[in-house]
Amino acid sequence: GHTKGGVCYIAEDVIFTGDTLFFCSCGRTDFPGGSFDEIKQS
């Protein structure tokens, strides 16, 4: 969504969300490879 290959990493009770999910927000999708529909699904 933010990029075509964006991933999160889950370890025990923590998710490292990168630029997919922020505090009360999410990553922008207007860069090449970005997609609002995809980030919503993510």
PDB file of all heavy atoms in Angstrom:
ATOM      1  N   GLY A   1       0.828  -1.208   0.000  1.00  0.00           N
ATOM      2  CA  GLY A   1       0.000   0.000   0.000  1.00  0.00           C
ATOM      3  C   GLY A   1       0.852   1.242   0.000  1.00  0.00           C
ATOM      4  O   GLY A   1       0.701   2.118  -0.849  1.00  0.00           O
ATOM      5  N   HIS A   2       1.779   1.321   0.956  1.00  0.00           N
ATOM      6  CA  HIS A   2       2.761   2.415   0.951  1.00  0.00           C
ATOM      7  C   HIS A   2       3.789   2.151  -0.134  1.00  0.00           C
ATOM      8  O   HIS A   2       4.189   3.061  -0.866  1.00  0.00           O
ATOM      9  CB  HIS A   2       3.412   2.522   2.324  1.00  0.00           C
ATOM     10  CG  HIS A   2       4.418   3.623   2.442  1.00  0.00           C
ATOM     11  ND1 HIS A   2       4.094   4.961   2.314  1.00  0.00           N
ATOM     12  CD2 HIS A   2       5.761   3.589   2.672  1.00  0.00           C
ATOM     13  CE1 HIS A   2       5.182   5.705   2.451  1.00  0.00           C
ATOM     14  NE2 HIS A   2       6.203   4.895   2.669  1.00  0.00           N
ATOM     15  N   THR A   3       4.245   0.912  -0.218  1.00  0.00           N
ATOM     16  CA  THR A   3       5.029   0.407  -1.347  1.00  0.00           C
ATOM     17  C   THR A   3       4.445  -0.946  -1.727  1.00  0.00           C
ATOM     18  O   THR A   3       3.692  -1.547  -0.964  1.00  0.00           O
ATOM     19  CB  THR A   3       6.525   0.228  -1.011  1.00  0.00           C
ATOM     20  OG1 THR A   3       6.655  -0.800  -0.021  1.00  0.00           O
ATOM     21  CG2 THR A   3       7.138   1.522  -0.499  1.00  0.00           C
ATOM     22  N   LYS A   4       4.833  -1.455  -2.882  1.00  0.00           N
ATOM     23  CA  LYS A   4       4.345  -2.759  -3.333  1.00  0.00           C
ATOM     24  C   LYS A   4       4.774  -3.868  -2.400  1.00  0.00           C
ATOM     25  O   LYS A   4       4.058  -4.848  -2.203  1.00  0.00           O
ATOM     26  CB  LYS A   4       4.844  -3.055  -4.753  1.00  0.00           C
ATOM     27  CG  LYS A   4       4.029  -2.422  -5.858  1.00  0.00           C
ATOM     28  CD  LYS A   4       2.634  -3.033  -5.900  1.00  0.00           C
ATOM     29  CE  LYS A   4       1.809  -2.427  -7.031  1.00  0.00           C
ATOM     30  NZ  LYS A   4       0.409  -2.915  -6.977  1.00  0.00           N
ATOM     31  N   GLY A   5       5.974  -3.737  -1.843  1.00  0.00           N
ATOM     32  CA  GLY A   5       6.520  -4.806  -1.021  1.00  0.00           C
ATOM     33  C   GLY A   5       6.599  -4.496   0.457  1.00  0.00           C
ATOM     34  O   GLY A   5       7.414  -5.109   1.170  1.00  0.00           O
ATOM     35  N   GLY A   6       5.796  -3.591   0.934  1.00  0.00           N
ATOM     36  CA  GLY A   6       5.830  -3.270   2.356  1.00  0.00           C
ATOM     37  C   GLY A   6       5.452  -4.470   3.209  1.00  0.00           C
ATOM     38  O   GLY A   6       4.540  -5.235   2.860  1.00  0.00           O
ATOM     39  N   VAL A   7       6.167  -4.671   4.306  1.00  0.00           N
ATOM     40  CA  VAL A   7       5.853  -5.754   5.227  1.00  0.00           C
ATOM     41  C   VAL A   7       5.905  -5.244   6.664  1.00  0.00           C
ATOM     42  O   VAL A   7       6.554  -4.230   6.960  1.00  0.00           O
ATOM     43  CB  VAL A   7       6.829  -6.952   5.090  1.00  0.00           C
ATOM     44  CG1 VAL A   7       6.772  -7.545   3.687  1.00  0.00           C
ATOM     45  CG2 VAL A   7       8.253  -6.560   5.458  1.00  0.00           C
ATOM     46  N   CYS A   8       5.219  -5.960   7.542  1.00  0.00           N
ATOM     47  CA  CYS A   8       5.364  -5.781   8.983  1.00  0.00           C
ATOM     48  C   CYS A   8       6.048  -7.017   9.540  1.00  0.00           C
ATOM     49  O   CYS A   8       5.988  -8.099   8.948  1.00  0.00           O
ATOM     50  CB  CYS A   8       4.000  -5.609   9.644  1.00  0.00           C
ATOM     51  SG  CYS A   8       3.071  -4.143   9.129  1.00  0.00           S
ATOM     52  N   TYR A   9       6.689  -6.861  10.673  1.00  0.00           N
ATOM     53  CA  TYR A   9       7.328  -7.985  11.355  1.00  0.00           C
ATOM     54  C   TYR A   9       6.679  -8.156  12.721  1.00  0.00           C
ATOM     55  O   TYR A   9       6.554  -7.191  13.484  1.00  0.00           O
ATOM     56  CB  TYR A   9       8.829  -7.732  11.515  1.00  0.00           C
ATOM     57  CG  TYR A   9       9.571  -7.650  10.205  1.00  0.00           C
ATOM     58  CD1 TYR A   9       9.850  -6.411   9.617  1.00  0.00           C
ATOM     59  CD2 TYR A   9       9.988  -8.800   9.546  1.00  0.00           C
ATOM     60  CE1 TYR A   9      10.525  -6.324   8.409  1.00  0.00           C
ATOM     61  CE2 TYR A   9      10.666  -8.728   8.341  1.00  0.00           C
ATOM     62  CZ  TYR A   9      10.932  -7.493   7.779  1.00  0.00           C
ATOM     63  OH  TYR A   9      11.602  -7.417   6.564  1.00  0.00           O
ATOM     64  N   ILE A  10       6.260  -9.386  13.016  1.00  0.00           N
ATOM     65  CA  ILE A  10       5.572  -9.682  14.271  1.00  0.00           C
ATOM     66  C   ILE A  10       6.478 -10.538  15.145  1.00  0.00           C
ATOM     67  O   ILE A  10       6.943 -11.608  14.722  1.00  0.00           O
ATOM     68  CB  ILE A  10       4.250 -10.424  14.014  1.00  0.00           C
ATOM     69  CG1 ILE A  10       3.366  -9.637  13.032  1.00  0.00           C
ATOM     70  CG2 ILE A  10       3.508 -10.665  15.332  1.00  0.00           C
ATOM     71  CD1 ILE A  10       2.128 -10.385  12.588  1.00  0.00           C
ATOM     72  N   ALA A  11       6.734 -10.064  16.363  1.00  0.00           N
ATOM     73  CA  ALA A  11       7.550 -10.807  17.319  1.00  0.00           C
ATOM     74  C   ALA A  11       6.869 -10.739  18.676  1.00  0.00           C
ATOM     75  O   ALA A  11       6.722  -9.651  19.249  1.00  0.00           O
ATOM     76  CB  ALA A  11       8.962 -10.230  17.401  1.00  0.00           C
ATOM     77  N   GLU A  12       6.427 -11.879  19.163  1.00  0.00           N
ATOM     78  CA  GLU A  12       5.695 -11.960  20.429  1.00  0.00           C
ATOM     79  C   GLU A  12       4.516 -10.980  20.437  1.00  0.00           C
ATOM     80  O   GLU A  12       3.610 -11.109  19.638  1.00  0.00           O
ATOM     81  CB  GLU A  12       6.644 -11.756  21.615  1.00  0.00           C
ATOM     82  CG  GLU A  12       7.648 -12.898  21.759  1.00  0.00           C
ATOM     83  CD  GLU A  12       8.520 -12.787  22.991  1.00  0.00           C
ATOM     84  OE1 GLU A  12       8.463 -11.777  23.717  1.00  0.00           O
ATOM     85  OE2 GLU A  12       9.290 -13.737  23.240  1.00  0.00           O
ATOM     86  N   ASP A  13       4.539  -9.963  21.291  1.00  0.00           N
ATOM     87  CA  ASP A  13       3.384  -9.059  21.392  1.00  0.00           C
ATOM     88  C   ASP A  13       3.620  -7.732  20.688  1.00  0.00           C
ATOM     89  O   ASP A  13       2.939  -6.743  20.967  1.00  0.00           O
ATOM     90  CB  ASP A  13       3.034  -8.807  22.863  1.00  0.00           C
ATOM     91  CG  ASP A  13       4.147  -8.087  23.621  1.00  0.00           C
ATOM     92  OD1 ASP A  13       5.283  -8.049  23.112  1.00  0.00           O
ATOM     93  OD2 ASP A  13       3.873  -7.562  24.720  1.00  0.00           O
ATOM     94  N   VAL A  14       4.579  -7.698  19.765  1.00  0.00           N
ATOM     95  CA  VAL A  14       4.941  -6.459  19.072  1.00  0.00           C
ATOM     96  C   VAL A  14       4.792  -6.637  17.562  1.00  0.00           C
ATOM     97  O   VAL A  14       5.153  -7.677  17.009  1.00  0.00           O
ATOM     98  CB  VAL A  14       6.397  -6.060  19.383  1.00  0.00           C
ATOM     99  CG1 VAL A  14       6.771  -4.766  18.660  1.00  0.00           C
ATOM    100  CG2 VAL A  14       6.602  -5.902  20.889  1.00  0.00           C
ATOM    101  N   ILE A  15       4.251  -5.613  16.902  1.00  0.00           N
ATOM    102  CA  ILE A  15       4.258  -5.553  15.441  1.00  0.00           C
ATOM    103  C   ILE A  15       5.024  -4.302  15.033  1.00  0.00           C
ATOM    104  O   ILE A  15       4.678  -3.185  15.437  1.00  0.00           O
ATOM    105  CB  ILE A  15       2.847  -5.501  14.827  1.00  0.00           C
ATOM    106  CG1 ILE A  15       1.993  -6.681  15.293  1.00  0.00           C
ATOM    107  CG2 ILE A  15       2.941  -5.495  13.300  1.00  0.00           C
ATOM    108  CD1 ILE A  15       0.573  -6.655  14.738  1.00  0.00           C
ATOM    109  N   PHE A  16       6.065  -4.486  14.242  1.00  0.00           N
ATOM    110  CA  PHE A  16       6.817  -3.370  13.667  1.00  0.00           C
ATOM    111  C   PHE A  16       6.138  -3.032  12.340  1.00  0.00           C
ATOM    112  O   PHE A  16       6.215  -3.794  11.373  1.00  0.00           O
ATOM    113  CB  PHE A  16       8.279  -3.765  13.466  1.00  0.00           C
ATOM    114  CG  PHE A  16       8.971  -4.154  14.748  1.00  0.00           C
ATOM    115  CD1 PHE A  16       9.059  -5.479  15.132  1.00  0.00           C
ATOM    116  CD2 PHE A  16       9.520  -3.180  15.577  1.00  0.00           C
ATOM    117  CE1 PHE A  16       9.682  -5.841  16.321  1.00  0.00           C
ATOM    118  CE2 PHE A  16      10.144  -3.528  16.772  1.00  0.00           C
ATOM    119  CZ  PHE A  16      10.222  -4.873  17.142  1.00  0.00           C
ATOM    120  N   THR A  17       5.457  -1.893  12.311  1.00  0.00           N
ATOM    121  CA  THR A  17       4.543  -1.604  11.197  1.00  0.00           C
ATOM    122  C   THR A  17       5.143  -0.750  10.091  1.00  0.00           C
ATOM    123  O   THR A  17       4.477  -0.496   9.091  1.00  0.00           O
ATOM    124  CB  THR A  17       3.267  -0.915  11.719  1.00  0.00           C
ATOM    125  OG1 THR A  17       3.618   0.329  12.340  1.00  0.00           O
ATOM    126  CG2 THR A  17       2.544  -1.802  12.723  1.00  0.00           C
ATOM    127  N   GLY A  18       6.386  -0.311  10.252  1.00  0.00           N
ATOM    128  CA  GLY A  18       6.998   0.503   9.201  1.00  0.00           C
ATOM    129  C   GLY A  18       6.147   1.712   8.880  1.00  0.00           C
ATOM    130  O   GLY A  18       5.653   2.407   9.776  1.00  0.00           O
ATOM    131  N   ASP A  19       5.939   1.954   7.583  1.00  0.00           N
ATOM    132  CA  ASP A  19       5.110   3.086   7.166  1.00  0.00           C
ATOM    133  C   ASP A  19       3.725   2.643   6.717  1.00  0.00           C
ATOM    134  O   ASP A  19       3.041   3.354   5.980  1.00  0.00           O
ATOM    135  CB  ASP A  19       5.807   3.867   6.041  1.00  0.00           C
ATOM    136  CG  ASP A  19       6.972   4.699   6.547  1.00  0.00           C
ATOM    137  OD1 ASP A  19       7.304   4.592   7.739  1.00  0.00           O
ATOM    138  OD2 ASP A  19       7.562   5.441   5.738  1.00  0.00           O
ATOM    139  N   THR A  20       3.309   1.464   7.177  1.00  0.00           N
ATOM    140  CA  THR A  20       1.950   1.011   6.898  1.00  0.00           C
ATOM    141  C   THR A  20       0.960   1.654   7.849  1.00  0.00           C
ATOM    142  O   THR A  20      -0.057   2.213   7.437  1.00  0.00           O
ATOM    143  CB  THR A  20       1.849  -0.524   7.006  1.00  0.00           C
ATOM    144  OG1 THR A  20       2.677  -1.123   6.001  1.00  0.00           O
ATOM    145  CG2 THR A  20       0.418  -0.989   6.817  1.00  0.00           C
ATOM    146  N   LEU A  21       1.267   1.605   9.138  1.00  0.00           N
ATOM    147  CA  LEU A  21       0.339   2.072  10.167  1.00  0.00           C
ATOM    148  C   LEU A  21       1.057   2.984  11.145  1.00  0.00           C
ATOM    149  O   LEU A  21       2.095   2.622  11.698  1.00  0.00           O
ATOM    150  CB  LEU A  21      -0.245   0.865  10.915  1.00  0.00           C
ATOM    151  CG  LEU A  21      -1.138   1.136  12.129  1.00  0.00           C
ATOM    152  CD1 LEU A  21      -2.345   1.968  11.730  1.00  0.00           C
ATOM    153  CD2 LEU A  21      -1.571  -0.175  12.763  1.00  0.00           C
ATOM    154  N   PHE A  22       0.517   4.172  11.330  1.00  0.00           N
ATOM    155  CA  PHE A  22       1.022   5.140  12.300  1.00  0.00           C
ATOM    156  C   PHE A  22      -0.029   5.385  13.382  1.00  0.00           C
ATOM    157  O   PHE A  22      -1.168   4.950  13.270  1.00  0.00           O
ATOM    158  CB  PHE A  22       1.330   6.484  11.619  1.00  0.00           C
ATOM    159  CG  PHE A  22       2.334   6.417  10.520  1.00  0.00           C
ATOM    160  CD1 PHE A  22       2.091   7.052   9.309  1.00  0.00           C
ATOM    161  CD2 PHE A  22       3.530   5.740  10.671  1.00  0.00           C
ATOM    162  CE1 PHE A  22       3.014   7.022   8.283  1.00  0.00           C
ATOM    163  CE2 PHE A  22       4.475   5.698   9.658  1.00  0.00           C
ATOM    164  CZ  PHE A  22       4.216   6.342   8.460  1.00  0.00           C
ATOM    165  N   PHE A  23       0.368   6.136  14.390  1.00  0.00           N
ATOM    166  CA  PHE A  23      -0.560   6.580  15.414  1.00  0.00           C
ATOM    167  C   PHE A  23      -1.699   7.362  14.757  1.00  0.00           C
ATOM    168  O   PHE A  23      -1.487   8.431  14.174  1.00  0.00           O
ATOM    169  CB  PHE A  23       0.165   7.447  16.437  1.00  0.00           C
ATOM    170  CG  PHE A  23      -0.710   8.042  17.502  1.00  0.00           C
ATOM    171  CD1 PHE A  23      -1.058   7.302  18.621  1.00  0.00           C
ATOM    172  CD2 PHE A  23      -1.191   9.337  17.384  1.00  0.00           C
ATOM    173  CE1 PHE A  23      -1.867   7.847  19.613  1.00  0.00           C
ATOM    174  CE2 PHE A  23      -1.994   9.890  18.361  1.00  0.00           C
ATOM    175  CZ  PHE A  23      -2.336   9.140  19.479  1.00  0.00           C
ATOM    176  N   CYS A  24      -2.904   6.807  14.793  1.00  0.00           N
ATOM    177  CA  CYS A  24      -4.107   7.439  14.226  1.00  0.00           C
ATOM    178  C   CYS A  24      -3.966   7.807  12.754  1.00  0.00           C
ATOM    179  O   CYS A  24      -4.628   8.735  12.276  1.00  0.00           O
ATOM    180  CB  CYS A  24      -4.506   8.657  15.050  1.00  0.00           C
ATOM    181  SG  CYS A  24      -5.191   8.220  16.664  1.00  0.00           S
ATOM    182  N   SER A  25      -3.118   7.112  12.033  1.00  0.00           N
ATOM    183  CA  SER A  25      -2.921   7.432  10.618  1.00  0.00           C
ATOM    184  C   SER A  25      -2.343   6.217   9.903  1.00  0.00           C
ATOM    185  O   SER A  25      -2.230   5.129  10.478  1.00  0.00           O
ATOM    186  CB  SER A  25      -1.988   8.644  10.480  1.00  0.00           C
ATOM    187  OG  SER A  25      -1.928   9.084   9.140  1.00  0.00           O
ATOM    188  N   CYS A  26      -1.974   6.431   8.647  1.00  0.00           N
ATOM    189  CA  CYS A  26      -1.341   5.365   7.869  1.00  0.00           C
ATOM    190  C   CYS A  26      -0.379   6.003   6.872  1.00  0.00           C
ATOM    191  O   CYS A  26      -0.340   7.223   6.695  1.00  0.00           O
ATOM    192  CB  CYS A  26      -2.376   4.512   7.144  1.00  0.00           C
ATOM    193  SG  CYS A  26      -3.253   5.338   5.794  1.00  0.00           S
ATOM    194  N   GLY A  27       0.403   5.175   6.214  1.00  0.00           N
ATOM    195  CA  GLY A  27       1.387   5.666   5.257  1.00  0.00           C
ATOM    196  C   GLY A  27       0.741   6.276   4.025  1.00  0.00           C
ATOM    197  O   GLY A  27      -0.347   5.861   3.612  1.00  0.00           O
ATOM    198  N   ARG A  28       1.431   7.246   3.453  1.00  0.00           N
ATOM    199  CA  ARG A  28       0.914   7.874   2.237  1.00  0.00           C
ATOM    200  C   ARG A  28       1.000   6.898   1.068  1.00  0.00           C
ATOM    201  O   ARG A  28       1.857   6.008   1.036  1.00  0.00           O
ATOM    202  CB  ARG A  28       1.649   9.173   1.937  1.00  0.00           C
ATOM    203  CG  ARG A  28       3.142   9.056   1.840  1.00  0.00           C
ATOM    204  CD  ARG A  28       3.819  10.405   1.796  1.00  0.00           C
ATOM    205  NE  ARG A  28       3.485  11.164   0.588  1.00  0.00           N
ATOM    206  CZ  ARG A  28       3.945  12.388   0.314  1.00  0.00           C
ATOM    207  NH1 ARG A  28       4.746  12.995   1.190  1.00  0.00           N
ATOM    208  NH2 ARG A  28       3.605  13.004  -0.791  1.00  0.00           N
ATOM    209  N   THR A  29       0.148   7.090   0.095  1.00  0.00           N
ATOM    210  CA  THR A  29       0.049   6.142  -1.020  1.00  0.00           C
ATOM    211  C   THR A  29       0.234   6.804  -2.376  1.00  0.00           C
ATOM    212  O   THR A  29      -0.056   6.200  -3.406  1.00  0.00           O
ATOM    213  CB  THR A  29      -1.323   5.432  -0.985  1.00  0.00           C
ATOM    214  OG1 THR A  29      -2.373   6.416  -1.083  1.00  0.00           O
ATOM    215  CG2 THR A  29      -1.493   4.637   0.296  1.00  0.00           C
ATOM    216  N   ASP A  30       0.756   8.029  -2.376  1.00  0.00           N
ATOM    217  CA  ASP A  30       0.904   8.758  -3.630  1.00  0.00           C
ATOM    218  C   ASP A  30       2.287   8.616  -4.257  1.00  0.00           C
ATOM    219  O   ASP A  30       2.573   9.233  -5.283  1.00  0.00           O
ATOM    220  CB  ASP A  30       0.567  10.246  -3.436  1.00  0.00           C
ATOM    221  CG  ASP A  30       1.402  10.912  -2.351  1.00  0.00           C
ATOM    222  OD1 ASP A  30       1.940  10.191  -1.487  1.00  0.00           O
ATOM    223  OD2 ASP A  30       1.514  12.156  -2.363  1.00  0.00           O
ATOM    224  N   PHE A  31       3.152   7.797  -3.669  1.00  0.00           N
ATOM    225  CA  PHE A  31       4.445   7.510  -4.288  1.00  0.00           C
ATOM    226  C   PHE A  31       4.290   6.374  -5.295  1.00  0.00           C
ATOM    227  O   PHE A  31       3.301   5.624  -5.240  1.00  0.00           O
ATOM    228  CB  PHE A  31       5.463   7.100  -3.213  1.00  0.00           C
ATOM    229  CG  PHE A  31       5.860   8.195  -2.267  1.00  0.00           C
ATOM    230  CD1 PHE A  31       5.856   7.974  -0.899  1.00  0.00           C
ATOM    231  CD2 PHE A  31       6.247   9.442  -2.738  1.00  0.00           C
ATOM    232  CE1 PHE A  31       6.234   8.974  -0.017  1.00  0.00           C
ATOM    233  CE2 PHE A  31       6.623  10.452  -1.856  1.00  0.00           C
ATOM    234  CZ  PHE A  31       6.617  10.219  -0.504  1.00  0.00           C
ATOM    235  N   PRO A  32       5.262   6.213  -6.212  1.00  0.00           N
ATOM    236  CA  PRO A  32       5.202   5.080  -7.143  1.00  0.00           C
ATOM    237  C   PRO A  32       5.069   3.761  -6.381  1.00  0.00           C
ATOM    238  O   PRO A  32       5.767   3.517  -5.397  1.00  0.00           O
ATOM    239  CB  PRO A  32       6.534   5.159  -7.881  1.00  0.00           C
ATOM    240  CG  PRO A  32       6.900   6.617  -7.843  1.00  0.00           C
ATOM    241  CD  PRO A  32       6.413   7.110  -6.497  1.00  0.00           C
ATOM    242  N   GLY A  33       4.154   2.929  -6.828  1.00  0.00           N
ATOM    243  CA  GLY A  33       3.921   1.643  -6.174  1.00  0.00           C
ATOM    244  C   GLY A  33       2.924   1.709  -5.038  1.00  0.00           C
ATOM    245  O   GLY A  33       2.540   0.672  -4.481  1.00  0.00           O
ATOM    246  N   GLY A  34       2.485   2.915  -4.690  1.00  0.00           N
ATOM    247  CA  GLY A  34       1.517   3.066  -3.617  1.00  0.00           C
ATOM    248  C   GLY A  34       0.100   2.820  -4.092  1.00  0.00           C
ATOM    249  O   GLY A  34      -0.222   2.997  -5.272  1.00  0.00           O
ATOM    250  N   SER A  35      -0.764   2.411  -3.190  1.00  0.00           N
ATOM    251  CA  SER A  35      -2.160   2.159  -3.525  1.00  0.00           C
ATOM    252  C   SER A  35      -3.007   2.309  -2.271  1.00  0.00           C
ATOM    253  O   SER A  35      -2.787   1.597  -1.282  1.00  0.00           O
ATOM    254  CB  SER A  35      -2.338   0.745  -4.094  1.00  0.00           C
ATOM    255  OG  SER A  35      -3.705   0.369  -4.109  1.00  0.00           O
ATOM    256  N   PHE A  36      -3.968   3.206  -2.305  1.00  0.00           N
ATOM    257  CA  PHE A  36      -4.838   3.396  -1.153  1.00  0.00           C
ATOM    258  C   PHE A  36      -5.691   2.154  -0.902  1.00  0.00           C
ATOM    259  O   PHE A  36      -5.898   1.752   0.243  1.00  0.00           O
ATOM    260  CB  PHE A  36      -5.734   4.618  -1.337  1.00  0.00           C
ATOM    261  CG  PHE A  36      -6.581   4.917  -0.137  1.00  0.00           C
ATOM    262  CD1 PHE A  36      -6.019   5.463   1.012  1.00  0.00           C
ATOM    263  CD2 PHE A  36      -7.943   4.627  -0.128  1.00  0.00           C
ATOM    264  CE1 PHE A  36      -6.797   5.725   2.138  1.00  0.00           C
ATOM    265  CE2 PHE A  36      -8.720   4.892   0.985  1.00  0.00           C
ATOM    266  CZ  PHE A  36      -8.148   5.431   2.120  1.00  0.00           C
ATOM    267  N   ASP A  37      -6.176   1.528  -1.984  1.00  0.00           N
ATOM    268  CA  ASP A  37      -6.973   0.315  -1.828  1.00  0.00           C
ATOM    269  C   ASP A  37      -6.154  -0.779  -1.146  1.00  0.00           C
ATOM    270  O   ASP A  37      -6.659  -1.491  -0.264  1.00  0.00           O
ATOM    271  CB  ASP A  37      -7.487  -0.181  -3.179  1.00  0.00           C
ATOM    272  CG  ASP A  37      -8.579   0.703  -3.754  1.00  0.00           C
ATOM    273  OD1 ASP A  37      -9.203   1.452  -2.969  1.00  0.00           O
ATOM    274  OD2 ASP A  37      -8.816   0.642  -4.968  1.00  0.00           O
ATOM    275  N   GLU A  38      -4.888  -0.903  -1.543  1.00  0.00           N
ATOM    276  CA  GLU A  38      -4.043  -1.937  -0.960  1.00  0.00           C
ATOM    277  C   GLU A  38      -3.716  -1.653   0.507  1.00  0.00           C
ATOM    278  O   GLU A  38      -3.716  -2.575   1.328  1.00  0.00           O
ATOM    279  CB  GLU A  38      -2.756  -2.096  -1.760  1.00  0.00           C
ATOM    280  CG  GLU A  38      -2.946  -2.814  -3.092  1.00  0.00           C
ATOM    281  CD  GLU A  38      -1.638  -3.113  -3.784  1.00  0.00           C
ATOM    282  OE1 GLU A  38      -0.596  -2.516  -3.417  1.00  0.00           O
ATOM    283  OE2 GLU A  38      -1.640  -3.953  -4.697  1.00  0.00           O
ATOM    284  N   ILE A  39      -3.460  -0.392   0.828  1.00  0.00           N
ATOM    285  CA  ILE A  39      -3.135  -0.109   2.227  1.00  0.00           C
ATOM    286  C   ILE A  39      -4.367  -0.295   3.114  1.00  0.00           C
ATOM    287  O   ILE A  39      -4.248  -0.738   4.264  1.00  0.00           O
ATOM    288  CB  ILE A  39      -2.505   1.289   2.403  1.00  0.00           C
ATOM    289  CG1 ILE A  39      -1.594   1.299   3.643  1.00  0.00           C
ATOM    290  CG2 ILE A  39      -3.548   2.396   2.533  1.00  0.00           C
ATOM    291  CD1 ILE A  39      -0.649   2.473   3.734  1.00  0.00           C
ATOM    292  N   LYS A  40      -5.546  -0.022   2.597  1.00  0.00           N
ATOM    293  CA  LYS A  40      -6.763  -0.283   3.362  1.00  0.00           C
ATOM    294  C   LYS A  40      -6.916  -1.782   3.627  1.00  0.00           C
ATOM    295  O   LYS A  40      -7.280  -2.191   4.739  1.00  0.00           O
ATOM    296  CB  LYS A  40      -7.989   0.244   2.610  1.00  0.00           C
ATOM    297  CG  LYS A  40      -8.187   1.746   2.717  1.00  0.00           C
ATOM    298  CD  LYS A  40      -8.676   2.144   4.103  1.00  0.00           C
ATOM    299  CE  LYS A  40     -10.106   1.692   4.349  1.00  0.00           C
ATOM    300  NZ  LYS A  40     -10.589   2.098   5.700  1.00  0.00           N
ATOM    301  N   GLN A  41      -6.620  -2.593   2.631  1.00  0.00           N
ATOM    302  CA  GLN A  41      -6.684  -4.041   2.819  1.00  0.00           C
ATOM    303  C   GLN A  41      -5.645  -4.500   3.842  1.00  0.00           C
ATOM    304  O   GLN A  41      -5.918  -5.384   4.671  1.00  0.00           O
ATOM    305  CB  GLN A  41      -6.471  -4.751   1.482  1.00  0.00           C
ATOM    306  CG  GLN A  41      -7.595  -4.544   0.482  1.00  0.00           C
ATOM    307  CD  GLN A  41      -7.264  -5.095  -0.898  1.00  0.00           C
ATOM    308  OE1 GLN A  41      -6.305  -5.846  -1.069  1.00  0.00           O
ATOM    309  NE2 GLN A  41      -8.050  -4.724  -1.883  1.00  0.00           N
ATOM    310  N   SER A  42      -4.457  -3.895   3.779  1.00  0.00           N
ATOM    311  CA  SER A  42      -3.406  -4.245   4.737  1.00  0.00           C
ATOM    312  C   SER A  42      -3.808  -3.858   6.156  1.00  0.00           C
ATOM    313  O   SER A  42      -3.591  -4.617   7.111  1.00  0.00           O
ATOM    314  CB  SER A  42      -2.094  -3.547   4.351  1.00  0.00           C
ATOM    315  OG  SER A  42      -1.606  -4.026   3.111  1.00  0.00           O
TER     316      SER A  42
END
